[in-house]
Amino acid sequence: MKKTILFSITVILVSVIAILFIKDSNDHHECSQIQEIKTSDSGTTVVTTNTHVCKEKFNF
């Protein structure tokens, strides 16, 4: 019984630590948003697109 409780607590603790590590590592500090606005011949805004540009090598 005690082994089962200890194993359960260990699994939960390792899972929480892994989730916190992934969230901390995935901060996107080197990323930016590029906004492209296209206009028609009459001067009205037709299409606006936002592009996520990320220079991070690895992303979780």
C-alpha atoms as a PDB file:
ATOM      1  CA  MET A   1       0.000   0.000   0.000  1.00  0.00           C
ATOM      2  CA  LYS A   2       2.762   2.455   0.908  1.00  0.00           C
ATOM      3  CA  LYS A   3       4.662   1.619  -2.302  1.00  0.00           C
ATOM      4  CA  THR A   4       1.599   2.456  -4.364  1.00  0.00           C
ATOM      5  CA  ILE A   5       1.115   5.812  -2.646  1.00  0.00           C
ATOM      6  CA  LEU A   6       4.816   6.657  -2.962  1.00  0.00           C
ATOM      7  CA  PHE A   7       4.803   5.687  -6.648  1.00  0.00           C
ATOM      8  CA  SER A   8       1.676   7.790  -7.309  1.00  0.00           C
ATOM      9  CA  ILE A   9       3.143  10.840  -5.580  1.00  0.00           C
ATOM     10  CA  THR A  10       6.388  10.424  -7.538  1.00  0.00           C
ATOM     11  CA  VAL A  11       4.573  10.202 -10.884  1.00  0.00           C
ATOM     12  CA  ILE A  12       2.479  13.278 -10.094  1.00  0.00           C
ATOM     13  CA  LEU A  13       5.525  15.256  -8.932  1.00  0.00           C
ATOM     14  CA  VAL A  14       7.586  14.361 -12.018  1.00  0.00           C
ATOM     15  CA  SER A  15       4.648  15.266 -14.280  1.00  0.00           C
ATOM     16  CA  VAL A  16       4.183  18.675 -12.655  1.00  0.00           C
ATOM     17  CA  ILE A  17       7.910  19.430 -12.879  1.00  0.00           C
ATOM     18  CA  ALA A  18       7.967  18.413 -16.565  1.00  0.00           C
ATOM     19  CA  ILE A  19       4.979  20.636 -17.386  1.00  0.00           C
ATOM     20  CA  LEU A  20       6.519  23.607 -15.583  1.00  0.00           C
ATOM     21  CA  PHE A  21       9.838  23.076 -17.386  1.00  0.00           C
ATOM     22  CA  ILE A  22       8.149  22.973 -20.789  1.00  0.00           C
ATOM     23  CA  LYS A  23       6.119  26.115 -20.079  1.00  0.00           C
ATOM     24  CA  ASP A  24       9.230  27.967 -18.860  1.00  0.00           C
ATOM     25  CA  SER A  25      11.324  26.854 -21.850  1.00  0.00           C
ATOM     26  CA  ASN A  26       8.667  27.839 -24.380  1.00  0.00           C
ATOM     27  CA  ASP A  27       8.785  31.574 -23.709  1.00  0.00           C
ATOM     28  CA  HIS A  28       8.995  32.861 -27.337  1.00  0.00           C
ATOM     29  CA  HIS A  29      11.266  35.793 -26.403  1.00  0.00           C
ATOM     30  CA  GLU A  30      12.932  35.661 -29.828  1.00  0.00           C
ATOM     31  CA  CYS A  31       9.647  35.589 -31.731  1.00  0.00           C
ATOM     32  CA  SER A  32       7.746  38.436 -33.329  1.00  0.00           C
ATOM     33  CA  GLN A  33       4.489  39.130 -35.145  1.00  0.00           C
ATOM     34  CA  ILE A  34       4.566  40.574 -38.674  1.00  0.00           C
ATOM     35  CA  GLN A  35       1.378  42.258 -39.831  1.00  0.00           C
ATOM     36  CA  GLU A  36       0.724  42.530 -43.578  1.00  0.00           C
ATOM     37  CA  ILE A  37      -1.999  44.879 -44.751  1.00  0.00           C
ATOM     38  CA  LYS A  38      -3.026  44.725 -48.398  1.00  0.00           C
ATOM     39  CA  THR A  39      -5.094  47.460 -49.972  1.00  0.00           C
ATOM     40  CA  SER A  40      -7.210  47.529 -53.096  1.00  0.00           C
ATOM     41  CA  ASP A  41      -6.804  49.966 -55.983  1.00  0.00           C
ATOM     42  CA  SER A  42      -9.398  52.283 -54.427  1.00  0.00           C
ATOM     43  CA  GLY A  43      -7.387  52.510 -51.192  1.00  0.00           C
ATOM     44  CA  THR A  44      -9.530  50.400 -48.906  1.00  0.00           C
ATOM     45  CA  THR A  45      -8.024  47.734 -46.682  1.00  0.00           C
ATOM     46  CA  VAL A  46      -8.764  44.313 -48.135  1.00  0.00           C
ATOM     47  CA  VAL A  47      -6.728  41.685 -46.283  1.00  0.00           C
ATOM     48  CA  THR A  48      -4.842  41.859 -43.004  1.00  0.00           C
ATOM     49  CA  THR A  49      -2.687  38.873 -42.048  1.00  0.00           C
ATOM     50  CA  ASN A  50      -0.615  38.286 -38.935  1.00  0.00           C
ATOM     51  CA  THR A  51       2.403  36.006 -39.298  1.00  0.00           C
ATOM     52  CA  HIS A  52       4.228  34.478 -36.330  1.00  0.00           C
ATOM     53  CA  VAL A  53       7.984  34.535 -37.006  1.00  0.00           C
ATOM     54  CA  CYS A  54      10.063  32.544 -34.553  1.00  0.00           C
ATOM     55  CA  LYS A  55      13.862  32.224 -34.498  1.00  0.00           C
ATOM     56  CA  GLU A  56      13.939  29.625 -31.742  1.00  0.00           C
ATOM     57  CA  LYS A  57      15.677  26.434 -32.806  1.00  0.00           C
ATOM     58  CA  PHE A  58      13.569  24.114 -30.666  1.00  0.00           C
ATOM     59  CA  ASN A  59       9.951  24.564 -29.674  1.00  0.00           C
ATOM     60  CA  PHE A  60       8.109  22.330 -27.231  1.00  0.00           C
END
